[in-house]
Amino acid sequence: MDIELDHLLVPSHDRFAAAKQLAGLLGVPWSDHGVGPFCPVYVNDGLTLDFDQAEEEFPVQHYAFRVSADDFDAILGRIRAAGIPYRGAPHGADDMQVGTWNGGRLVYWNVPDGHVWELLTVSYARRPQA
């Protein structure tokens, strides 16, 4: 069986600004309109994040993106250029440090909506190879 995640809804208080910011940081395309009331961010050929406008409070979510070392450097450069505080650990103060884990690098940052974004070069969520 081949199952792929196709899209996720990301609640936001300003779907346009949130989608534009994430797409800009990741260096991927986005649109100010999509199917329904969403602002899609086209993460890759198989995954779209649909930013949805939410007037009420919503739970904070965590989204992690695994990228190559070169893409990590480019995206981190855009995070720094945008003046977005980041940290090398999932919780705690923004220390502007790059964390290391499992032989890779990772950073975390929050957005005004409260969501936590993670960028990593080596997955710690994958099942070990047999």
N, C-alpha and C. Protein backbone atom coordinates (compact mmCIF):
# COMPACT_ATOMS: atom_id res chain seq x y z
N MET A 1 0.85 -1.17 0.00
CA MET A 1 0.00 0.00 0.00
C MET A 1 0.90 1.24 0.00
N ASP A 2 0.56 2.20 -0.82
CA ASP A 2 1.31 3.45 -0.89
C ASP A 2 0.38 4.57 -0.46
N ILE A 3 0.65 5.16 0.71
CA ILE A 3 -0.17 6.24 1.24
C ILE A 3 0.70 7.48 1.35
N GLU A 4 0.20 8.59 0.84
CA GLU A 4 0.92 9.85 0.94
C GLU A 4 0.00 10.92 1.51
N LEU A 5 0.52 11.73 2.40
CA LEU A 5 -0.22 12.87 2.91
C LEU A 5 -0.31 13.89 1.79
N ASP A 6 -1.51 14.36 1.48
CA ASP A 6 -1.74 15.26 0.36
C ASP A 6 -1.78 16.73 0.79
N HIS A 7 -2.55 17.03 1.84
CA HIS A 7 -2.63 18.41 2.30
C HIS A 7 -3.06 18.47 3.76
N LEU A 8 -2.72 19.57 4.40
CA LEU A 8 -3.10 19.84 5.78
C LEU A 8 -3.69 21.23 5.86
N LEU A 9 -4.63 21.43 6.77
CA LEU A 9 -5.14 22.77 7.05
C LEU A 9 -4.32 23.36 8.19
N VAL A 10 -3.90 24.60 8.02
CA VAL A 10 -3.15 25.31 9.04
C VAL A 10 -3.99 26.50 9.46
N PRO A 11 -4.53 26.49 10.69
CA PRO A 11 -5.33 27.63 11.12
C PRO A 11 -4.45 28.86 11.32
N SER A 12 -5.01 30.01 10.98
CA SER A 12 -4.24 31.25 11.06
C SER A 12 -5.20 32.41 11.27
N HIS A 13 -4.73 33.44 11.97
CA HIS A 13 -5.53 34.65 12.13
C HIS A 13 -5.39 35.57 10.92
N ASP A 14 -4.35 35.36 10.11
CA ASP A 14 -4.17 36.10 8.86
C ASP A 14 -3.58 35.13 7.84
N ARG A 15 -4.46 34.41 7.15
CA ARG A 15 -4.02 33.34 6.26
C ARG A 15 -3.11 33.85 5.14
N PHE A 16 -3.34 35.05 4.66
CA PHE A 16 -2.53 35.60 3.58
C PHE A 16 -1.09 35.84 4.05
N ALA A 17 -0.94 36.53 5.17
CA ALA A 17 0.40 36.84 5.70
C ALA A 17 1.14 35.57 6.10
N ALA A 18 0.43 34.64 6.74
CA ALA A 18 1.08 33.41 7.20
C ALA A 18 1.56 32.56 6.03
N ALA A 19 0.72 32.41 5.02
CA ALA A 19 1.10 31.60 3.85
C ALA A 19 2.26 32.26 3.10
N LYS A 20 2.18 33.56 2.92
CA LYS A 20 3.23 34.28 2.20
C LYS A 20 4.56 34.17 2.93
N GLN A 21 4.54 34.32 4.27
CA GLN A 21 5.78 34.25 5.03
C GLN A 21 6.41 32.86 4.93
N LEU A 22 5.62 31.81 5.16
CA LEU A 22 6.19 30.46 5.12
C LEU A 22 6.72 30.14 3.74
N ALA A 23 5.96 30.44 2.71
CA ALA A 23 6.41 30.16 1.35
C ALA A 23 7.71 30.90 1.05
N GLY A 24 7.80 32.14 1.48
CA GLY A 24 9.02 32.91 1.27
C GLY A 24 10.21 32.31 1.97
N LEU A 25 10.03 31.88 3.21
CA LEU A 25 11.13 31.27 3.96
C LEU A 25 11.57 29.96 3.33
N LEU A 26 10.60 29.12 2.94
CA LEU A 26 10.93 27.82 2.36
C LEU A 26 11.38 27.94 0.91
N GLY A 27 11.07 29.05 0.28
CA GLY A 27 11.42 29.21 -1.13
C GLY A 27 10.54 28.39 -2.05
N VAL A 28 9.25 28.30 -1.70
CA VAL A 28 8.29 27.53 -2.50
C VAL A 28 7.14 28.44 -2.91
N PRO A 29 6.37 28.05 -3.92
CA PRO A 29 5.25 28.89 -4.36
C PRO A 29 4.05 28.83 -3.41
N TRP A 30 3.24 29.88 -3.49
CA TRP A 30 1.99 29.94 -2.74
C TRP A 30 0.99 30.72 -3.57
N SER A 31 -0.26 30.75 -3.11
CA SER A 31 -1.29 31.51 -3.81
C SER A 31 -2.18 32.19 -2.77
N ASP A 32 -2.70 33.35 -3.12
CA ASP A 32 -3.62 34.03 -2.20
C ASP A 32 -5.05 33.48 -2.31
N HIS A 33 -5.23 32.47 -3.15
CA HIS A 33 -6.52 31.80 -3.26
C HIS A 33 -6.28 30.36 -3.73
N GLY A 34 -7.16 29.49 -3.32
CA GLY A 34 -7.06 28.09 -3.71
C GLY A 34 -8.46 27.51 -3.78
N VAL A 35 -8.56 26.22 -3.60
CA VAL A 35 -9.86 25.59 -3.54
C VAL A 35 -10.49 25.99 -2.21
N GLY A 36 -11.68 26.53 -2.27
CA GLY A 36 -12.32 27.01 -1.05
C GLY A 36 -11.67 28.29 -0.56
N PRO A 37 -11.74 28.53 0.73
CA PRO A 37 -11.25 29.81 1.27
C PRO A 37 -9.79 29.79 1.69
N PHE A 38 -8.99 28.91 1.14
CA PHE A 38 -7.63 28.68 1.64
C PHE A 38 -6.57 29.42 0.83
N CYS A 39 -5.44 29.68 1.50
CA CYS A 39 -4.23 30.18 0.84
C CYS A 39 -3.24 29.02 0.84
N PRO A 40 -3.06 28.36 -0.29
CA PRO A 40 -2.18 27.19 -0.32
C PRO A 40 -0.70 27.56 -0.44
N VAL A 41 0.10 26.77 0.27
CA VAL A 41 1.55 26.80 0.12
C VAL A 41 1.93 25.45 -0.44
N TYR A 42 2.57 25.46 -1.60
CA TYR A 42 2.91 24.23 -2.31
C TYR A 42 4.29 23.77 -1.87
N VAL A 43 4.34 22.99 -0.79
CA VAL A 43 5.59 22.57 -0.17
C VAL A 43 6.43 21.74 -1.14
N ASN A 44 5.78 20.81 -1.81
CA ASN A 44 6.44 20.00 -2.84
C ASN A 44 5.36 19.42 -3.74
N ASP A 45 5.74 18.57 -4.67
CA ASP A 45 4.76 18.03 -5.62
C ASP A 45 3.67 17.20 -4.95
N GLY A 46 3.88 16.76 -3.73
CA GLY A 46 2.90 15.90 -3.07
C GLY A 46 2.25 16.48 -1.83
N LEU A 47 2.64 17.68 -1.39
CA LEU A 47 2.10 18.22 -0.15
C LEU A 47 1.79 19.71 -0.28
N THR A 48 0.57 20.05 0.10
CA THR A 48 0.11 21.43 0.15
C THR A 48 -0.33 21.74 1.57
N LEU A 49 0.08 22.89 2.08
CA LEU A 49 -0.44 23.40 3.35
C LEU A 49 -1.46 24.46 3.01
N ASP A 50 -2.71 24.23 3.41
CA ASP A 50 -3.80 25.16 3.14
C ASP A 50 -4.03 26.02 4.38
N PHE A 51 -3.63 27.29 4.30
CA PHE A 51 -3.82 28.20 5.42
C PHE A 51 -5.28 28.64 5.44
N ASP A 52 -5.91 28.44 6.59
CA ASP A 52 -7.33 28.70 6.76
C ASP A 52 -7.51 29.85 7.75
N GLN A 53 -8.42 30.75 7.45
CA GLN A 53 -8.70 31.88 8.32
C GLN A 53 -9.50 31.39 9.53
N ALA A 54 -9.04 31.74 10.72
CA ALA A 54 -9.74 31.34 11.95
C ALA A 54 -9.92 32.58 12.82
N GLU A 55 -11.13 32.88 13.15
CA GLU A 55 -11.41 34.04 14.02
C GLU A 55 -11.32 33.64 15.49
N GLU A 56 -11.61 32.39 15.78
CA GLU A 56 -11.55 31.91 17.16
C GLU A 56 -10.15 31.40 17.47
N GLU A 57 -9.92 31.13 18.75
CA GLU A 57 -8.63 30.56 19.16
C GLU A 57 -8.51 29.14 18.62
N PHE A 58 -7.30 28.68 18.43
CA PHE A 58 -7.06 27.33 17.94
C PHE A 58 -5.81 26.80 18.61
N PRO A 59 -5.65 25.48 18.65
CA PRO A 59 -4.46 24.90 19.28
C PRO A 59 -3.21 25.18 18.46
N VAL A 60 -2.13 25.37 19.16
CA VAL A 60 -0.83 25.55 18.51
C VAL A 60 -0.41 24.20 17.92
N GLN A 61 0.09 24.24 16.70
CA GLN A 61 0.53 23.03 16.01
C GLN A 61 2.04 23.07 15.79
N HIS A 62 2.60 21.91 15.51
CA HIS A 62 4.03 21.78 15.22
C HIS A 62 4.15 21.18 13.82
N TYR A 63 4.94 21.83 12.97
CA TYR A 63 5.15 21.35 11.61
C TYR A 63 6.64 21.26 11.37
N ALA A 64 7.12 20.12 10.90
CA ALA A 64 8.55 19.90 10.69
C ALA A 64 8.82 19.62 9.21
N PHE A 65 9.89 20.23 8.71
CA PHE A 65 10.28 20.06 7.32
C PHE A 65 11.69 19.49 7.27
N ARG A 66 11.83 18.33 6.65
CA ARG A 66 13.15 17.73 6.45
C ARG A 66 13.68 18.19 5.11
N VAL A 67 14.89 18.73 5.11
CA VAL A 67 15.49 19.29 3.90
C VAL A 67 16.95 18.85 3.79
N SER A 68 17.53 19.06 2.63
CA SER A 68 18.95 18.79 2.43
C SER A 68 19.78 19.82 3.20
N ALA A 69 21.06 19.53 3.37
CA ALA A 69 21.96 20.45 4.06
C ALA A 69 22.03 21.79 3.32
N ASP A 70 22.07 21.77 2.00
CA ASP A 70 22.12 23.02 1.23
C ASP A 70 20.82 23.82 1.38
N ASP A 71 19.68 23.14 1.33
CA ASP A 71 18.41 23.83 1.52
C ASP A 71 18.30 24.38 2.93
N PHE A 72 18.80 23.62 3.92
CA PHE A 72 18.80 24.09 5.30
C PHE A 72 19.52 25.43 5.39
N ASP A 73 20.72 25.50 4.80
CA ASP A 73 21.50 26.73 4.84
C ASP A 73 20.75 27.89 4.18
N ALA A 74 20.12 27.63 3.04
CA ALA A 74 19.40 28.67 2.32
C ALA A 74 18.19 29.16 3.12
N ILE A 75 17.42 28.23 3.68
CA ILE A 75 16.22 28.61 4.44
C ILE A 75 16.62 29.32 5.73
N LEU A 76 17.64 28.82 6.42
CA LEU A 76 18.11 29.50 7.63
C LEU A 76 18.58 30.91 7.29
N GLY A 77 19.21 31.08 6.15
CA GLY A 77 19.61 32.41 5.72
C GLY A 77 18.42 33.34 5.55
N ARG A 78 17.32 32.82 5.01
CA ARG A 78 16.11 33.64 4.83
C ARG A 78 15.46 33.94 6.18
N ILE A 79 15.49 32.98 7.12
CA ILE A 79 14.96 33.21 8.47
C ILE A 79 15.76 34.34 9.12
N ARG A 80 17.08 34.25 9.03
CA ARG A 80 17.94 35.29 9.62
C ARG A 80 17.70 36.64 8.96
N ALA A 81 17.62 36.66 7.63
CA ALA A 81 17.42 37.91 6.91
C ALA A 81 16.09 38.56 7.27
N ALA A 82 15.08 37.74 7.58
CA ALA A 82 13.77 38.26 7.97
C ALA A 82 13.74 38.71 9.43
N GLY A 83 14.82 38.45 10.17
CA GLY A 83 14.87 38.85 11.58
C GLY A 83 13.99 38.01 12.48
N ILE A 84 13.72 36.76 12.08
CA ILE A 84 12.86 35.88 12.86
C ILE A 84 13.70 35.18 13.92
N PRO A 85 13.35 35.31 15.20
CA PRO A 85 14.08 34.61 16.25
C PRO A 85 13.90 33.10 16.10
N TYR A 86 14.95 32.34 16.41
CA TYR A 86 14.90 30.89 16.32
C TYR A 86 15.72 30.29 17.45
N ARG A 87 15.62 28.99 17.57
CA ARG A 87 16.33 28.29 18.64
C ARG A 87 16.74 26.91 18.17
N GLY A 88 17.67 26.31 18.90
CA GLY A 88 18.16 24.99 18.55
C GLY A 88 17.48 23.86 19.31
N ALA A 89 16.43 24.18 20.06
CA ALA A 89 15.70 23.17 20.84
C ALA A 89 14.20 23.42 20.68
N PRO A 90 13.38 22.37 20.85
CA PRO A 90 11.94 22.55 20.63
C PRO A 90 11.27 23.51 21.61
N HIS A 91 11.79 23.61 22.81
CA HIS A 91 11.21 24.49 23.83
C HIS A 91 12.30 25.39 24.38
N GLY A 92 11.89 26.47 24.97
CA GLY A 92 12.85 27.37 25.60
C GLY A 92 12.96 28.68 24.85
N ALA A 93 13.94 29.44 25.30
CA ALA A 93 14.15 30.77 24.75
C ALA A 93 14.77 30.69 23.35
N ASP A 94 14.48 31.69 22.56
CA ASP A 94 15.10 31.81 21.24
C ASP A 94 16.56 32.22 21.46
N ASP A 95 17.46 31.28 21.17
CA ASP A 95 18.88 31.50 21.44
C ASP A 95 19.70 31.73 20.17
N MET A 96 19.01 31.77 19.03
CA MET A 96 19.68 31.99 17.73
C MET A 96 20.77 30.95 17.48
N GLN A 97 20.54 29.74 17.98
CA GLN A 97 21.49 28.64 17.81
C GLN A 97 20.89 27.57 16.91
N VAL A 98 21.75 26.83 16.23
CA VAL A 98 21.35 25.68 15.42
C VAL A 98 21.62 24.44 16.27
N GLY A 99 20.60 23.63 16.46
CA GLY A 99 20.75 22.41 17.23
C GLY A 99 21.32 21.29 16.38
N THR A 100 21.83 20.29 17.05
CA THR A 100 22.30 19.08 16.37
C THR A 100 21.61 17.89 17.00
N TRP A 101 21.28 16.94 16.17
CA TRP A 101 20.60 15.75 16.66
C TRP A 101 20.72 14.67 15.61
N ASN A 102 21.05 13.48 16.04
CA ASN A 102 21.01 12.32 15.15
C ASN A 102 21.89 12.52 13.90
N GLY A 103 22.97 13.27 14.07
CA GLY A 103 23.87 13.50 12.95
C GLY A 103 23.43 14.60 12.00
N GLY A 104 22.44 15.37 12.38
CA GLY A 104 21.95 16.45 11.52
C GLY A 104 21.84 17.76 12.27
N ARG A 105 21.27 18.74 11.60
CA ARG A 105 21.06 20.06 12.18
C ARG A 105 19.57 20.37 12.20
N LEU A 106 19.15 21.22 13.15
CA LEU A 106 17.76 21.60 13.23
C LEU A 106 17.60 22.96 13.89
N VAL A 107 16.53 23.64 13.53
CA VAL A 107 16.13 24.89 14.17
C VAL A 107 14.61 24.91 14.30
N TYR A 108 14.16 25.70 15.26
CA TYR A 108 12.73 25.88 15.52
C TYR A 108 12.45 27.37 15.57
N TRP A 109 11.26 27.76 15.07
CA TRP A 109 10.83 29.14 15.22
C TRP A 109 9.32 29.18 15.34
N ASN A 110 8.83 30.22 15.99
CA ASN A 110 7.39 30.41 16.16
C ASN A 110 6.94 31.52 15.22
N VAL A 111 5.68 31.48 14.90
CA VAL A 111 5.06 32.52 14.08
C VAL A 111 4.02 33.24 14.93
N PRO A 112 3.55 34.41 14.49
CA PRO A 112 2.57 35.14 15.30
C PRO A 112 1.34 34.32 15.70
N ASP A 113 0.94 33.36 14.87
CA ASP A 113 -0.21 32.52 15.23
C ASP A 113 0.12 31.54 16.35
N GLY A 114 1.41 31.40 16.71
CA GLY A 114 1.82 30.51 17.78
C GLY A 114 2.37 29.18 17.32
N HIS A 115 2.13 28.81 16.07
CA HIS A 115 2.62 27.53 15.59
C HIS A 115 4.14 27.46 15.68
N VAL A 116 4.64 26.24 15.87
CA VAL A 116 6.07 26.00 15.94
C VAL A 116 6.49 25.31 14.65
N TRP A 117 7.43 25.92 13.92
CA TRP A 117 7.96 25.36 12.70
C TRP A 117 9.34 24.79 13.00
N GLU A 118 9.64 23.67 12.40
CA GLU A 118 10.94 23.02 12.60
C GLU A 118 11.56 22.73 11.23
N LEU A 119 12.84 22.95 11.16
CA LEU A 119 13.62 22.64 9.96
C LEU A 119 14.73 21.71 10.38
N LEU A 120 14.84 20.55 9.72
CA LEU A 120 15.85 19.58 10.11
C LEU A 120 16.44 18.88 8.90
N THR A 121 17.66 18.41 9.06
CA THR A 121 18.33 17.73 7.95
C THR A 121 18.28 16.22 8.07
N VAL A 122 18.09 15.70 9.28
CA VAL A 122 18.00 14.25 9.50
C VAL A 122 16.76 13.99 10.35
N SER A 123 15.88 13.14 9.89
CA SER A 123 14.66 12.85 10.63
C SER A 123 14.94 11.99 11.85
N TYR A 124 14.31 12.35 12.94
CA TYR A 124 14.33 11.51 14.14
C TYR A 124 12.99 10.80 14.30
N ALA A 125 12.08 11.03 13.36
CA ALA A 125 10.74 10.43 13.43
C ALA A 125 10.60 9.20 12.56
N ARG A 126 11.56 8.93 11.70
CA ARG A 126 11.49 7.78 10.79
C ARG A 126 11.79 6.50 11.54
N ARG A 127 11.16 5.42 11.11
CA ARG A 127 11.48 4.11 11.67
C ARG A 127 12.89 3.72 11.26
N PRO A 128 13.65 3.12 12.18
CA PRO A 128 15.00 2.67 11.81
C PRO A 128 14.94 1.62 10.70
N GLN A 129 15.97 1.65 9.86
CA GLN A 129 16.07 0.63 8.81
C GLN A 129 16.34 -0.73 9.42
N ALA A 130 15.71 -1.76 8.86
CA ALA A 130 15.90 -3.12 9.39
C ALA A 130 17.24 -3.69 8.92
